[in-house]
């Protein structure tokens, strides 16, 4: 792993961290807590929700523990980065997205004691209630996309390493 690979990962992570924190500052400026702004009725709105748990508000109220886990995860990813295929751009992008996303939510956990979620997709039922996907933010998206890229890269690497099957001739 060379210095250029490390810098590319760091630049991507810092860009995600900055974009995540900027988007959350905009939410703080324009939406009060629990306030919602409908963008596409019955499908999408911006919200200002606080989350002291993990994805889907699991482990709600565990902000401190989740902050510790995030720090450990960041340290582990940074120390183990050479074990990922970071010589390719896809590996650098995926690690940068994951590290930046974890850092973005960690900043919230430390400075605000909760994570700000603001992107909310939902469907409006006939009775007026909503069935929605849990609200999320830029950091959450970066983590999910980064992990998805790592899976795709892993599958491609396995296919490239797999021995060719004999053909009938």
Protein backbone atom coordinates (compact mmCIF):
# COMPACT_ATOMS: atom_id res chain seq x y z
CA UNK A 1 0.00 0.00 0.00
CA UNK A 2 1.49 3.33 -1.00
CA UNK A 3 1.09 6.84 0.29
CA UNK A 4 -1.12 7.85 -2.65
CA UNK A 5 -3.62 5.08 -1.78
CA UNK A 6 -3.76 6.29 1.83
CA UNK A 7 -4.28 9.91 0.77
CA UNK A 8 -7.10 8.97 -1.59
CA UNK A 9 -8.88 7.09 1.21
CA UNK A 10 -8.34 10.04 3.57
CA UNK A 11 -9.61 12.61 1.04
CA UNK A 12 -12.78 10.60 0.40
CA UNK A 13 -13.36 10.11 4.13
CA UNK A 14 -12.88 13.83 4.82
CA UNK A 15 -15.22 14.77 1.96
CA UNK A 16 -17.94 12.47 3.32
CA UNK A 17 -17.41 13.80 6.85
CA UNK A 18 -17.70 17.40 5.60
CA UNK A 19 -20.77 16.69 3.45
CA UNK A 20 -22.45 14.85 6.32
CA UNK A 21 -21.82 17.59 8.85
CA UNK A 22 -22.80 20.35 6.39
CA UNK A 23 -26.09 18.61 5.61
CA UNK A 24 -26.83 18.24 9.33
CA UNK A 25 -26.06 21.93 9.94
CA UNK A 26 -28.59 22.80 7.23
CA UNK A 27 -31.17 20.59 8.95
CA UNK A 28 -30.44 22.29 12.28
CA UNK A 29 -30.85 25.71 10.67
CA UNK A 30 -34.08 25.08 8.78
CA UNK A 31 -35.97 22.39 10.71
CA UNK A 32 -36.90 22.30 14.37
CA UNK A 33 -36.62 19.03 16.28
CA UNK A 34 -39.30 16.58 15.08
CA UNK A 35 -40.28 19.03 12.32
CA UNK A 36 -40.93 17.66 8.83
CA UNK A 37 -40.89 19.16 5.35
CA UNK A 38 -42.80 17.19 2.72
CA UNK A 39 -40.90 17.07 -0.57
CA UNK A 40 -43.02 14.52 -2.44
CA UNK A 41 -46.29 13.80 -0.62
CA UNK A 42 -46.75 10.15 0.17
CA UNK A 43 -43.14 9.27 -0.66
CA UNK A 44 -40.33 11.56 0.59
CA UNK A 45 -39.74 14.22 3.21
CA UNK A 46 -36.97 15.86 5.16
CA UNK A 47 -37.28 15.40 8.89
CA UNK A 48 -35.25 16.38 11.94
CA UNK A 49 -35.10 13.34 14.16
CA UNK A 50 -32.63 12.47 16.88
CA UNK A 51 -31.33 8.90 17.14
CA UNK A 52 -29.42 7.70 20.21
CA UNK A 53 -29.36 4.16 18.84
CA UNK A 54 -28.00 2.39 15.79
CA UNK A 55 -29.72 1.61 12.48
CA UNK A 56 -33.51 1.51 12.72
CA UNK A 57 -33.11 3.00 16.23
CA UNK A 58 -31.97 -0.38 17.55
CA UNK A 59 -30.26 -0.06 20.92
CA UNK A 60 -31.94 3.30 21.47
CA UNK A 61 -30.42 5.17 24.39
CA UNK A 62 -27.00 3.55 23.87
CA UNK A 63 -25.25 6.58 22.43
CA UNK A 64 -22.15 6.26 24.64
CA UNK A 65 -21.61 2.59 23.87
CA UNK A 66 -22.19 3.16 20.17
CA UNK A 67 -19.62 5.99 20.20
CA UNK A 68 -17.07 3.62 21.75
CA UNK A 69 -17.88 0.95 19.15
CA UNK A 70 -17.47 3.56 16.38
CA UNK A 71 -14.03 4.55 17.68
CA UNK A 72 -12.96 0.90 17.83
CA UNK A 73 -14.33 0.30 14.31
CA UNK A 74 -12.46 3.33 12.94
CA UNK A 75 -9.19 2.23 14.52
CA UNK A 76 -9.65 -1.34 13.26
CA UNK A 77 -10.45 -0.19 9.71
CA UNK A 78 -7.49 2.16 9.58
CA UNK A 79 -5.07 -0.43 10.95
CA UNK A 80 -6.44 -3.26 8.77
CA UNK A 81 -6.86 -1.25 5.56
CA UNK A 82 -3.99 -3.04 3.85
CA UNK A 83 -5.98 -6.29 4.08
CA UNK A 84 -8.57 -4.83 1.73
CA UNK A 85 -7.94 -4.48 -1.99
CA UNK A 86 -7.02 -0.82 -1.71
CA UNK A 87 -4.70 -0.82 -4.71
CA UNK A 88 -7.82 -0.43 -6.84
CA UNK A 89 -9.91 2.72 -6.86
CA UNK A 90 -13.02 0.75 -5.80
CA UNK A 91 -11.28 -0.41 -2.62
CA UNK A 92 -10.10 3.10 -1.81
CA UNK A 93 -13.55 4.55 -2.44
CA UNK A 94 -15.28 1.92 -0.32
CA UNK A 95 -12.95 2.38 2.64
CA UNK A 96 -13.13 6.16 2.34
CA UNK A 97 -16.94 6.03 2.34
CA UNK A 98 -17.09 3.72 5.35
CA UNK A 99 -14.50 5.63 7.39
CA UNK A 100 -16.06 9.01 6.54
CA UNK A 101 -19.56 7.74 7.38
CA UNK A 102 -18.51 6.29 10.72
CA UNK A 103 -16.66 9.53 11.53
CA UNK A 104 -19.69 11.66 10.59
CA UNK A 105 -22.03 9.86 12.96
CA UNK A 106 -19.33 9.73 15.64
CA UNK A 107 -19.00 13.52 15.54
CA UNK A 108 -22.76 13.72 16.22
CA UNK A 109 -22.59 11.21 19.06
CA UNK A 110 -19.78 13.12 20.75
CA UNK A 111 -20.95 16.71 20.16
CA UNK A 112 -24.75 16.31 20.28
CA UNK A 113 -25.24 13.06 22.23
CA UNK A 114 -27.35 11.74 19.32
CA UNK A 115 -27.20 11.30 15.56
CA UNK A 116 -29.29 13.58 13.34
CA UNK A 117 -31.34 11.66 10.78
CA UNK A 118 -33.19 13.64 8.14
CA UNK A 119 -33.86 11.64 4.95
CA UNK A 120 -37.19 9.81 5.17
CA UNK A 121 -38.89 7.72 2.50
CA UNK A 122 -42.43 6.51 3.19
CA UNK A 123 -45.71 5.45 1.68
CA UNK A 124 -48.97 6.96 2.80
CA UNK A 125 -51.66 4.38 3.50
CA UNK A 126 -55.33 4.91 2.72
CA UNK A 127 -56.09 5.47 6.40
CA UNK A 128 -53.56 8.34 6.50
CA UNK A 129 -50.86 6.46 8.42
CA UNK A 130 -47.35 6.03 7.04
CA UNK A 131 -45.25 2.98 6.33
CA UNK A 132 -41.71 4.25 6.14
CA UNK A 133 -38.11 3.23 5.82
CA UNK A 134 -36.17 4.41 8.90
CA UNK A 135 -34.83 7.94 8.54
CA UNK A 136 -31.14 8.17 7.72
CA UNK A 137 -28.41 10.67 6.81
CA UNK A 138 -25.42 11.15 4.51
CA UNK A 139 -23.09 9.20 6.83
CA UNK A 140 -25.46 6.22 6.90
CA UNK A 141 -25.67 6.27 3.11
CA UNK A 142 -21.89 6.40 2.75
CA UNK A 143 -21.44 3.43 5.08
CA UNK A 144 -24.02 1.34 3.22
CA UNK A 145 -22.62 2.21 -0.22
CA UNK A 146 -19.06 1.53 0.96
CA UNK A 147 -19.99 -1.88 2.38
CA UNK A 148 -21.90 -2.69 -0.80
CA UNK A 149 -18.83 -1.82 -2.90
CA UNK A 150 -16.67 -4.06 -0.71
CA UNK A 151 -19.07 -6.98 -1.28
CA UNK A 152 -19.08 -6.43 -5.04
CA UNK A 153 -15.30 -6.18 -5.08
CA UNK A 154 -15.00 -9.36 -3.01
CA UNK A 155 -17.26 -11.29 -5.41
CA UNK A 156 -15.30 -10.06 -8.41
CA UNK A 157 -12.02 -11.05 -6.79
CA UNK A 158 -13.33 -14.54 -6.00
CA UNK A 159 -14.55 -15.01 -9.56
CA UNK A 160 -11.16 -13.94 -10.92
CA UNK A 161 -9.36 -16.37 -8.58
CA UNK A 162 -11.71 -19.31 -9.20
CA UNK A 163 -10.20 -22.04 -11.37
CA UNK A 164 -11.86 -22.56 -14.72
CA UNK A 165 -14.21 -25.53 -14.87
CA UNK A 166 -13.32 -28.20 -17.41
CA UNK A 167 -15.46 -28.14 -20.51
CA UNK A 168 -16.74 -31.10 -22.46
CA UNK A 169 -15.15 -31.24 -25.81
